Amino acid sequence: MPICPGEIVTNALRLRRLRKTDTDAFIAMNADLNVMEFFPRPWSPEESKAALARIDQAFDERGFGIYAIEVSGIFGGIVGLSIPSFNAPFTPCVEILWRLTPPSWGKGYATAAAAAVLQTAFQSLPLEEVVSFASRNNVKSIRVMQKIGMRLDPHGDFDHPDVENPTLRPHVLYRISADHLRYM
């Protein structure tokens, strides 16, 4: 089975598998109202702990997954690949996602980390395409998608089935192929 490495290093960041020592920072990030602005609600500590367990298990089973973003030895958020658990016209698929702590915002870390994960994934895994999606209102995440070379799927807009809030439910879908990334 092809696998992604457990660690990816860029000029400014270290992306590594999540550890138990990340638990408190992960819980704090997911409980932050600003971080979770485009989610249905902040997560409880129990939800974050359950997510950490799923992330670790999924990485072991699939050979890819979600990394911690480490900036100068400090937890700065997460980035990585996931398989969405909901049904939509574009699923099943592999999704790239990111979520950063407020001190890591506005420094280009999401873009650098996501670009590194895409590059590594397309080199290590037999993927033809990766998608990303966000609430139509989440202009910062949409901008990251554009910066890493993803293209808007003009027919991909969808209402996220796990989101009830009518303001957050409409989502946009972006895609990138392995071939497109090779020519960037």
N, C-alpha and C. Protein backbone atom coordinates (compact mmCIF):
# COMPACT_ATOMS: atom_id res chain seq x y z
N MET A 1 0.84 -1.18 0.00
CA MET A 1 0.00 0.00 0.00
C MET A 1 0.88 1.24 0.00
N PRO A 2 0.67 2.15 -0.95
CA PRO A 2 1.43 3.41 -0.94
C PRO A 2 1.05 4.24 0.28
N ILE A 3 2.04 4.92 0.85
CA ILE A 3 1.77 5.74 2.02
C ILE A 3 2.47 7.09 1.92
N CYS A 4 1.91 8.06 2.61
CA CYS A 4 2.55 9.36 2.75
C CYS A 4 3.48 9.29 3.96
N PRO A 5 4.53 10.08 3.96
CA PRO A 5 5.43 10.07 5.11
C PRO A 5 4.74 10.62 6.35
N GLY A 6 5.25 10.25 7.51
CA GLY A 6 4.69 10.74 8.77
C GLY A 6 5.08 12.16 9.08
N GLU A 7 6.01 12.71 8.29
CA GLU A 7 6.46 14.07 8.52
C GLU A 7 6.82 14.72 7.18
N ILE A 8 6.45 15.99 7.04
CA ILE A 8 6.80 16.80 5.88
C ILE A 8 7.39 18.10 6.42
N VAL A 9 8.55 18.49 5.92
CA VAL A 9 9.20 19.71 6.40
C VAL A 9 9.28 20.72 5.26
N THR A 10 8.84 21.95 5.54
CA THR A 10 8.97 23.04 4.59
C THR A 10 9.96 24.05 5.18
N ASN A 11 10.17 25.16 4.51
CA ASN A 11 11.08 26.18 5.03
C ASN A 11 10.67 26.69 6.41
N ALA A 12 9.36 26.88 6.62
CA ALA A 12 8.89 27.48 7.87
C ALA A 12 8.12 26.53 8.76
N LEU A 13 7.72 25.38 8.24
CA LEU A 13 6.80 24.51 8.97
C LEU A 13 7.28 23.08 9.04
N ARG A 14 6.82 22.44 10.08
CA ARG A 14 6.99 21.00 10.21
C ARG A 14 5.58 20.42 10.29
N LEU A 15 5.26 19.56 9.36
CA LEU A 15 3.98 18.86 9.37
C LEU A 15 4.27 17.45 9.85
N ARG A 16 3.58 17.03 10.88
CA ARG A 16 3.84 15.72 11.47
C ARG A 16 2.53 15.10 11.93
N ARG A 17 2.56 13.81 12.12
CA ARG A 17 1.37 13.15 12.63
C ARG A 17 1.02 13.72 13.99
N LEU A 18 -0.26 13.77 14.26
CA LEU A 18 -0.72 14.27 15.55
C LEU A 18 -0.30 13.32 16.66
N ARG A 19 -0.06 13.89 17.83
CA ARG A 19 0.35 13.12 19.01
C ARG A 19 -0.60 13.39 20.17
N LYS A 20 -0.53 12.55 21.18
CA LYS A 20 -1.34 12.78 22.39
C LYS A 20 -1.01 14.12 23.03
N THR A 21 0.23 14.57 22.89
CA THR A 21 0.62 15.85 23.48
C THR A 21 -0.04 17.05 22.77
N ASP A 22 -0.67 16.82 21.62
CA ASP A 22 -1.39 17.87 20.90
C ASP A 22 -2.83 18.02 21.39
N THR A 23 -3.27 17.12 22.26
CA THR A 23 -4.68 17.06 22.65
C THR A 23 -5.20 18.40 23.17
N ASP A 24 -4.52 19.00 24.13
CA ASP A 24 -5.03 20.25 24.71
C ASP A 24 -5.11 21.37 23.67
N ALA A 25 -4.10 21.50 22.84
CA ALA A 25 -4.10 22.55 21.81
C ALA A 25 -5.18 22.27 20.76
N PHE A 26 -5.38 21.01 20.41
CA PHE A 26 -6.41 20.63 19.44
C PHE A 26 -7.80 20.94 20.00
N ILE A 27 -8.02 20.62 21.26
CA ILE A 27 -9.29 20.91 21.92
C ILE A 27 -9.54 22.42 21.94
N ALA A 28 -8.53 23.18 22.31
CA ALA A 28 -8.67 24.65 22.38
C ALA A 28 -8.99 25.23 21.01
N MET A 29 -8.30 24.75 19.97
CA MET A 29 -8.55 25.25 18.62
C MET A 29 -10.00 24.98 18.20
N ASN A 30 -10.47 23.77 18.44
CA ASN A 30 -11.81 23.39 18.00
C ASN A 30 -12.93 23.99 18.86
N ALA A 31 -12.57 24.54 20.01
CA ALA A 31 -13.56 25.20 20.88
C ALA A 31 -13.60 26.71 20.64
N ASP A 32 -12.65 27.22 19.86
CA ASP A 32 -12.54 28.66 19.61
C ASP A 32 -13.63 29.11 18.63
N LEU A 33 -14.44 30.06 19.06
CA LEU A 33 -15.54 30.55 18.23
C LEU A 33 -15.06 31.13 16.91
N ASN A 34 -13.93 31.81 16.91
CA ASN A 34 -13.40 32.39 15.68
C ASN A 34 -12.90 31.32 14.72
N VAL A 35 -12.21 30.32 15.24
CA VAL A 35 -11.71 29.23 14.40
C VAL A 35 -12.87 28.48 13.76
N MET A 36 -13.93 28.29 14.54
CA MET A 36 -15.06 27.47 14.10
C MET A 36 -16.20 28.30 13.50
N GLU A 37 -15.88 29.50 13.07
CA GLU A 37 -16.89 30.42 12.53
C GLU A 37 -17.73 29.80 11.41
N PHE A 38 -17.13 28.99 10.56
CA PHE A 38 -17.84 28.45 9.42
C PHE A 38 -18.24 26.98 9.62
N PHE A 39 -18.19 26.52 10.86
CA PHE A 39 -18.66 25.20 11.23
C PHE A 39 -20.02 25.36 11.91
N PRO A 40 -20.80 24.30 11.99
CA PRO A 40 -22.10 24.42 12.65
C PRO A 40 -21.99 24.93 14.09
N ARG A 41 -20.91 24.56 14.77
CA ARG A 41 -20.69 24.99 16.16
C ARG A 41 -19.30 24.57 16.58
N PRO A 42 -18.78 25.18 17.65
CA PRO A 42 -17.51 24.69 18.19
C PRO A 42 -17.67 23.26 18.70
N TRP A 43 -16.55 22.58 18.81
CA TRP A 43 -16.58 21.19 19.28
C TRP A 43 -16.35 21.13 20.78
N SER A 44 -16.96 20.14 21.39
CA SER A 44 -16.72 19.86 22.81
C SER A 44 -15.37 19.16 22.95
N PRO A 45 -14.80 19.14 24.15
CA PRO A 45 -13.55 18.38 24.35
C PRO A 45 -13.70 16.92 23.94
N GLU A 46 -14.84 16.33 24.22
CA GLU A 46 -15.05 14.92 23.87
C GLU A 46 -15.05 14.72 22.35
N GLU A 47 -15.67 15.66 21.63
CA GLU A 47 -15.67 15.57 20.16
C GLU A 47 -14.26 15.69 19.60
N SER A 48 -13.47 16.59 20.16
CA SER A 48 -12.09 16.74 19.69
C SER A 48 -11.26 15.50 19.99
N LYS A 49 -11.43 14.92 21.17
CA LYS A 49 -10.69 13.70 21.51
C LYS A 49 -11.08 12.55 20.58
N ALA A 50 -12.38 12.44 20.28
CA ALA A 50 -12.84 11.39 19.36
C ALA A 50 -12.27 11.63 17.96
N ALA A 51 -12.21 12.89 17.53
CA ALA A 51 -11.65 13.21 16.21
C ALA A 51 -10.18 12.84 16.16
N LEU A 52 -9.43 13.13 17.21
CA LEU A 52 -8.01 12.75 17.25
C LEU A 52 -7.83 11.25 17.08
N ALA A 53 -8.65 10.48 17.76
CA ALA A 53 -8.56 9.02 17.64
C ALA A 53 -8.87 8.57 16.22
N ARG A 54 -9.90 9.17 15.59
CA ARG A 54 -10.24 8.82 14.20
C ARG A 54 -9.12 9.20 13.25
N ILE A 55 -8.53 10.37 13.46
CA ILE A 55 -7.44 10.84 12.60
C ILE A 55 -6.27 9.86 12.65
N ASP A 56 -5.89 9.44 13.84
CA ASP A 56 -4.77 8.52 14.00
C ASP A 56 -5.07 7.18 13.35
N GLN A 57 -6.25 6.66 13.59
CA GLN A 57 -6.64 5.37 13.01
C GLN A 57 -6.71 5.45 11.50
N ALA A 58 -7.28 6.52 10.96
CA ALA A 58 -7.40 6.66 9.51
C ALA A 58 -6.04 6.72 8.83
N PHE A 59 -5.09 7.43 9.44
CA PHE A 59 -3.75 7.51 8.86
C PHE A 59 -3.13 6.12 8.79
N ASP A 60 -3.27 5.35 9.87
CA ASP A 60 -2.73 3.99 9.88
C ASP A 60 -3.39 3.11 8.82
N GLU A 61 -4.69 3.22 8.67
CA GLU A 61 -5.43 2.36 7.74
C GLU A 61 -5.24 2.74 6.28
N ARG A 62 -5.18 4.05 5.99
CA ARG A 62 -5.14 4.51 4.61
C ARG A 62 -3.76 4.83 4.09
N GLY A 63 -2.84 5.11 5.00
CA GLY A 63 -1.50 5.51 4.57
C GLY A 63 -1.40 7.00 4.30
N PHE A 64 -2.44 7.74 4.62
CA PHE A 64 -2.43 9.20 4.52
C PHE A 64 -3.43 9.75 5.52
N GLY A 65 -3.32 11.05 5.76
CA GLY A 65 -4.25 11.62 6.72
C GLY A 65 -3.94 13.06 7.05
N ILE A 66 -4.23 13.40 8.28
CA ILE A 66 -4.15 14.77 8.74
C ILE A 66 -2.91 14.94 9.62
N TYR A 67 -2.19 16.03 9.36
CA TYR A 67 -0.96 16.35 10.09
C TYR A 67 -1.19 17.52 11.05
N ALA A 68 -0.38 17.57 12.08
CA ALA A 68 -0.27 18.77 12.90
C ALA A 68 0.65 19.73 12.18
N ILE A 69 0.32 21.01 12.22
CA ILE A 69 1.21 22.05 11.72
C ILE A 69 2.00 22.54 12.91
N GLU A 70 3.30 22.44 12.83
CA GLU A 70 4.16 22.87 13.93
C GLU A 70 4.99 24.05 13.45
N VAL A 71 4.92 25.14 14.20
CA VAL A 71 5.67 26.35 13.88
C VAL A 71 6.60 26.63 15.06
N SER A 72 7.89 26.53 14.82
CA SER A 72 8.88 26.74 15.89
C SER A 72 8.55 25.92 17.12
N GLY A 73 8.15 24.67 16.90
CA GLY A 73 7.86 23.76 18.00
C GLY A 73 6.50 23.92 18.63
N ILE A 74 5.66 24.83 18.11
CA ILE A 74 4.35 25.11 18.70
C ILE A 74 3.25 24.62 17.75
N PHE A 75 2.23 24.00 18.30
CA PHE A 75 1.07 23.53 17.52
C PHE A 75 0.38 24.73 16.90
N GLY A 76 0.27 24.72 15.55
CA GLY A 76 -0.34 25.83 14.84
C GLY A 76 -1.61 25.46 14.11
N GLY A 77 -2.03 24.20 14.21
CA GLY A 77 -3.25 23.78 13.54
C GLY A 77 -3.08 22.43 12.89
N ILE A 78 -3.96 22.17 11.92
CA ILE A 78 -3.93 20.89 11.20
C ILE A 78 -4.05 21.13 9.70
N VAL A 79 -3.56 20.18 8.95
CA VAL A 79 -3.68 20.18 7.49
C VAL A 79 -3.57 18.73 7.06
N GLY A 80 -4.26 18.38 5.99
CA GLY A 80 -4.08 17.01 5.51
C GLY A 80 -5.20 16.53 4.63
N LEU A 81 -5.19 15.24 4.42
CA LEU A 81 -6.13 14.58 3.52
C LEU A 81 -7.12 13.75 4.32
N SER A 82 -8.35 13.78 3.86
CA SER A 82 -9.42 13.05 4.53
C SER A 82 -10.38 12.52 3.47
N ILE A 83 -11.20 11.59 3.87
CA ILE A 83 -12.28 11.10 3.02
C ILE A 83 -13.58 11.54 3.68
N PRO A 84 -14.32 12.44 3.02
CA PRO A 84 -15.56 12.92 3.64
C PRO A 84 -16.51 11.78 3.96
N SER A 85 -17.23 11.92 5.08
CA SER A 85 -18.14 10.87 5.53
C SER A 85 -19.57 11.08 5.07
N PHE A 86 -19.83 12.18 4.37
CA PHE A 86 -21.19 12.44 3.89
C PHE A 86 -21.30 12.11 2.41
N ASN A 87 -22.53 12.00 1.93
CA ASN A 87 -22.79 11.73 0.52
C ASN A 87 -23.07 13.03 -0.21
N ALA A 88 -22.43 13.19 -1.36
CA ALA A 88 -22.64 14.34 -2.23
C ALA A 88 -22.35 13.87 -3.65
N PRO A 89 -22.70 14.66 -4.65
CA PRO A 89 -22.46 14.23 -6.04
C PRO A 89 -20.99 13.95 -6.35
N PHE A 90 -20.05 14.52 -5.59
CA PHE A 90 -18.62 14.34 -5.87
C PHE A 90 -17.96 13.30 -4.98
N THR A 91 -18.70 12.67 -4.08
CA THR A 91 -18.12 11.65 -3.20
C THR A 91 -18.38 10.27 -3.82
N PRO A 92 -17.53 9.30 -3.54
CA PRO A 92 -16.34 9.35 -2.67
C PRO A 92 -15.20 10.12 -3.34
N CYS A 93 -14.37 10.68 -2.47
CA CYS A 93 -13.26 11.50 -2.95
C CYS A 93 -12.23 11.63 -1.82
N VAL A 94 -11.12 12.26 -2.15
CA VAL A 94 -10.13 12.63 -1.15
C VAL A 94 -10.14 14.15 -1.08
N GLU A 95 -10.25 14.64 0.13
CA GLU A 95 -10.35 16.07 0.40
C GLU A 95 -9.08 16.56 1.09
N ILE A 96 -8.65 17.77 0.76
CA ILE A 96 -7.60 18.42 1.54
C ILE A 96 -8.29 19.45 2.43
N LEU A 97 -7.84 19.51 3.68
CA LEU A 97 -8.45 20.43 4.64
C LEU A 97 -7.36 21.07 5.49
N TRP A 98 -7.73 22.15 6.15
CA TRP A 98 -6.82 22.84 7.08
C TRP A 98 -7.65 23.58 8.10
N ARG A 99 -7.07 23.77 9.26
CA ARG A 99 -7.66 24.56 10.33
C ARG A 99 -6.50 25.05 11.18
N LEU A 100 -6.39 26.34 11.37
CA LEU A 100 -5.26 26.91 12.09
C LEU A 100 -5.68 27.63 13.35
N THR A 101 -4.77 27.69 14.30
CA THR A 101 -4.99 28.47 15.51
C THR A 101 -4.85 29.95 15.18
N PRO A 102 -5.55 30.83 15.88
CA PRO A 102 -5.47 32.27 15.57
C PRO A 102 -4.05 32.85 15.50
N PRO A 103 -3.11 32.45 16.36
CA PRO A 103 -1.76 33.02 16.20
C PRO A 103 -1.09 32.65 14.88
N SER A 104 -1.59 31.64 14.19
CA SER A 104 -1.01 31.20 12.92
C SER A 104 -1.70 31.82 11.71
N TRP A 105 -2.71 32.60 11.92
CA TRP A 105 -3.45 33.20 10.81
C TRP A 105 -2.65 34.32 10.14
N GLY A 106 -2.88 34.48 8.85
CA GLY A 106 -2.34 35.62 8.11
C GLY A 106 -0.85 35.57 7.84
N LYS A 107 -0.24 34.40 7.98
CA LYS A 107 1.20 34.27 7.79
C LYS A 107 1.55 33.36 6.61
N GLY A 108 0.54 32.90 5.89
CA GLY A 108 0.78 32.03 4.74
C GLY A 108 0.97 30.57 5.11
N TYR A 109 0.76 30.22 6.38
CA TYR A 109 0.99 28.84 6.81
C TYR A 109 0.00 27.86 6.18
N ALA A 110 -1.28 28.24 6.08
CA ALA A 110 -2.27 27.33 5.48
C ALA A 110 -1.89 27.02 4.04
N THR A 111 -1.51 28.05 3.30
CA THR A 111 -1.13 27.86 1.89
C THR A 111 0.11 26.99 1.77
N ALA A 112 1.14 27.30 2.55
CA ALA A 112 2.39 26.52 2.49
C ALA A 112 2.17 25.08 2.90
N ALA A 113 1.41 24.87 3.97
CA ALA A 113 1.17 23.52 4.46
C ALA A 113 0.33 22.72 3.46
N ALA A 114 -0.73 23.33 2.94
CA ALA A 114 -1.59 22.63 1.98
C ALA A 114 -0.84 22.30 0.70
N ALA A 115 -0.03 23.23 0.21
CA ALA A 115 0.77 22.97 -1.00
C ALA A 115 1.73 21.81 -0.77
N ALA A 116 2.36 21.75 0.39
CA ALA A 116 3.29 20.67 0.71
C ALA A 116 2.57 19.33 0.79
N VAL A 117 1.39 19.32 1.38
CA VAL A 117 0.62 18.08 1.47
C VAL A 117 0.19 17.61 0.09
N LEU A 118 -0.29 18.53 -0.74
CA LEU A 118 -0.68 18.14 -2.11
C LEU A 118 0.50 17.56 -2.89
N GLN A 119 1.63 18.25 -2.83
CA GLN A 119 2.82 17.78 -3.55
C GLN A 119 3.20 16.38 -3.09
N THR A 120 3.26 16.19 -1.79
CA THR A 120 3.63 14.89 -1.23
C THR A 120 2.61 13.82 -1.59
N ALA A 121 1.33 14.17 -1.50
CA ALA A 121 0.28 13.19 -1.78
C ALA A 121 0.33 12.72 -3.23
N PHE A 122 0.46 13.66 -4.15
CA PHE A 122 0.49 13.27 -5.56
C PHE A 122 1.76 12.51 -5.93
N GLN A 123 2.84 12.72 -5.18
CA GLN A 123 4.07 11.95 -5.42
C GLN A 123 4.00 10.57 -4.78
N SER A 124 3.30 10.45 -3.65
CA SER A 124 3.31 9.21 -2.87
C SER A 124 2.13 8.29 -3.11
N LEU A 125 1.01 8.84 -3.53
CA LEU A 125 -0.22 8.06 -3.61
C LEU A 125 -0.74 8.02 -5.05
N PRO A 126 -1.49 6.98 -5.39
CA PRO A 126 -2.06 6.90 -6.74
C PRO A 126 -3.36 7.72 -6.85
N LEU A 127 -3.28 8.99 -6.54
CA LEU A 127 -4.45 9.87 -6.61
C LEU A 127 -4.46 10.59 -7.95
N GLU A 128 -5.64 10.68 -8.54
CA GLU A 128 -5.80 11.45 -9.76
C GLU A 128 -6.26 12.86 -9.45
N GLU A 129 -6.98 13.03 -8.31
CA GLU A 129 -7.58 14.31 -8.00
C GLU A 129 -7.76 14.44 -6.49
N VAL A 130 -7.73 15.69 -6.02
CA VAL A 130 -8.05 16.04 -4.64
C VAL A 130 -9.05 17.19 -4.71
N VAL A 131 -10.02 17.18 -3.81
CA VAL A 131 -11.00 18.26 -3.76
C VAL A 131 -10.86 19.03 -2.44
N SER A 132 -11.48 20.17 -2.41
CA SER A 132 -11.64 20.94 -1.18
C SER A 132 -12.95 21.69 -1.28
N PHE A 133 -13.57 21.92 -0.15
CA PHE A 133 -14.84 22.64 -0.16
C PHE A 133 -14.93 23.48 1.10
N ALA A 134 -15.73 24.52 1.01
CA ALA A 134 -15.90 25.42 2.15
C ALA A 134 -17.23 26.14 2.00
N SER A 135 -17.71 26.64 3.10
CA SER A 135 -18.88 27.50 3.06
C SER A 135 -18.62 28.64 2.08
N ARG A 136 -19.62 28.98 1.32
CA ARG A 136 -19.48 30.06 0.33
C ARG A 136 -19.00 31.36 0.99
N ASN A 137 -19.25 31.52 2.28
CA ASN A 137 -18.86 32.73 3.01
C ASN A 137 -17.41 32.70 3.49
N ASN A 138 -16.76 31.57 3.43
CA ASN A 138 -15.41 31.41 3.98
C ASN A 138 -14.36 31.83 2.94
N VAL A 139 -14.26 33.14 2.75
CA VAL A 139 -13.39 33.65 1.68
C VAL A 139 -11.91 33.36 1.94
N LYS A 140 -11.50 33.25 3.20
CA LYS A 140 -10.09 32.96 3.48
C LYS A 140 -9.71 31.56 3.03
N SER A 141 -10.56 30.58 3.31
CA SER A 141 -10.26 29.22 2.86
C SER A 141 -10.35 29.12 1.34
N ILE A 142 -11.31 29.80 0.76
CA ILE A 142 -11.42 29.80 -0.70
C ILE A 142 -10.16 30.39 -1.32
N ARG A 143 -9.64 31.43 -0.72
CA ARG A 143 -8.41 32.05 -1.23
C ARG A 143 -7.23 31.07 -1.14
N VAL A 144 -7.15 30.29 -0.07
CA VAL A 144 -6.09 29.28 0.04
C VAL A 144 -6.24 28.26 -1.09
N MET A 145 -7.46 27.81 -1.35
CA MET A 145 -7.69 26.86 -2.44
C MET A 145 -7.15 27.42 -3.76
N GLN A 146 -7.43 28.68 -4.02
CA GLN A 146 -6.97 29.31 -5.26
C GLN A 146 -5.45 29.42 -5.29
N LYS A 147 -4.85 29.79 -4.16
CA LYS A 147 -3.39 29.96 -4.11
C LYS A 147 -2.64 28.65 -4.33
N ILE A 148 -3.23 27.52 -3.94
CA ILE A 148 -2.54 26.24 -4.13
C ILE A 148 -2.87 25.61 -5.47
N GLY A 149 -3.54 26.37 -6.34
CA GLY A 149 -3.78 25.91 -7.70
C GLY A 149 -5.07 25.17 -7.93
N MET A 150 -5.93 25.11 -6.92
CA MET A 150 -7.20 24.43 -7.11
C MET A 150 -8.11 25.31 -7.97
N ARG A 151 -9.00 24.66 -8.70
CA ARG A 151 -9.92 25.36 -9.59
C ARG A 151 -11.36 25.15 -9.14
N LEU A 152 -12.12 26.21 -9.19
CA LEU A 152 -13.54 26.13 -8.85
C LEU A 152 -14.24 25.20 -9.83
N ASP A 153 -15.01 24.27 -9.29
CA ASP A 153 -15.87 23.43 -10.12
C ASP A 153 -17.17 24.22 -10.30
N PRO A 154 -17.42 24.78 -11.48
CA PRO A 154 -18.57 25.66 -11.65
C PRO A 154 -19.92 24.95 -11.44
N HIS A 155 -19.92 23.64 -11.50
CA HIS A 155 -21.15 22.87 -11.29
C HIS A 155 -21.13 22.14 -9.95
N GLY A 156 -20.14 22.47 -9.11
CA GLY A 156 -19.94 21.71 -7.89
C GLY A 156 -20.58 22.30 -6.64
N ASP A 157 -21.15 23.49 -6.72
CA ASP A 157 -21.78 24.07 -5.53
C ASP A 157 -22.79 23.07 -4.95
N PHE A 158 -22.83 22.99 -3.62
CA PHE A 158 -23.74 22.04 -2.98
C PHE A 158 -24.13 22.55 -1.60
N ASP A 159 -25.22 22.04 -1.11
CA ASP A 159 -25.63 22.31 0.26
C ASP A 159 -25.08 21.17 1.11
N HIS A 160 -24.23 21.53 2.07
CA HIS A 160 -23.59 20.51 2.91
C HIS A 160 -24.67 19.80 3.73
N PRO A 161 -24.77 18.48 3.60
CA PRO A 161 -25.85 17.75 4.28
C PRO A 161 -25.73 17.73 5.80
N ASP A 162 -24.55 18.02 6.35
CA ASP A 162 -24.37 18.00 7.80
C ASP A 162 -24.49 19.38 8.43
N VAL A 163 -24.86 20.37 7.64
CA VAL A 163 -24.95 21.75 8.13
C VAL A 163 -26.39 22.22 8.02
N GLU A 164 -26.98 22.60 9.14
CA GLU A 164 -28.38 23.05 9.14
C GLU A 164 -28.51 24.55 8.95
N ASN A 165 -27.52 25.32 9.41
CA ASN A 165 -27.59 26.78 9.33
C ASN A 165 -27.68 27.21 7.87
N PRO A 166 -28.77 27.90 7.47
CA PRO A 166 -28.93 28.26 6.06
C PRO A 166 -27.87 29.22 5.54
N THR A 167 -27.20 29.94 6.43
CA THR A 167 -26.12 30.84 6.01
C THR A 167 -24.84 30.07 5.71
N LEU A 168 -24.60 28.98 6.44
CA LEU A 168 -23.37 28.20 6.29
C LEU A 168 -23.53 27.01 5.35
N ARG A 169 -24.74 26.58 5.11
CA ARG A 169 -24.99 25.35 4.34
C ARG A 169 -24.48 25.41 2.90
N PRO A 170 -24.67 26.50 2.14
CA PRO A 170 -24.17 26.51 0.76
C PRO A 170 -22.63 26.47 0.71
N HIS A 171 -22.10 25.52 -0.03
CA HIS A 171 -20.66 25.31 -0.15
C HIS A 171 -20.21 25.39 -1.61
N VAL A 172 -18.96 25.77 -1.79
CA VAL A 172 -18.32 25.72 -3.09
C VAL A 172 -17.35 24.54 -3.10
N LEU A 173 -17.10 24.02 -4.29
CA LEU A 173 -16.21 22.88 -4.47
C LEU A 173 -15.08 23.27 -5.40
N TYR A 174 -13.85 22.98 -4.94
CA TYR A 174 -12.65 23.21 -5.75
C TYR A 174 -11.98 21.87 -6.00
N ARG A 175 -11.26 21.77 -7.11
CA ARG A 175 -10.58 20.52 -7.48
C ARG A 175 -9.16 20.83 -7.97
N ILE A 176 -8.29 19.83 -7.83
CA ILE A 176 -6.98 19.87 -8.46
C ILE A 176 -6.60 18.45 -8.86
N SER A 177 -6.04 18.31 -10.04
CA SER A 177 -5.60 17.00 -10.52
C SER A 177 -4.10 16.88 -10.37
N ALA A 178 -3.63 15.66 -10.36
CA ALA A 178 -2.18 15.43 -10.28
C ALA A 178 -1.50 16.05 -11.48
N ASP A 179 -2.10 15.95 -12.66
CA ASP A 179 -1.51 16.55 -13.86
C ASP A 179 -1.41 18.06 -13.75
N HIS A 180 -2.44 18.70 -13.23
CA HIS A 180 -2.41 20.16 -13.09
C HIS A 180 -1.30 20.60 -12.15
N LEU A 181 -1.13 19.87 -11.03
CA LEU A 181 -0.09 20.24 -10.06
C LEU A 181 1.30 20.09 -10.68
N ARG A 182 1.49 19.07 -11.52
CA ARG A 182 2.80 18.87 -12.15
C ARG A 182 3.22 20.04 -13.04
N TYR A 183 2.22 20.74 -13.61
CA TYR A 183 2.52 21.83 -14.53
C TYR A 183 2.53 23.19 -13.88
N MET A 184 2.41 23.24 -12.56
CA MET A 184 2.43 24.54 -11.85
C MET A 184 3.84 24.96 -11.59
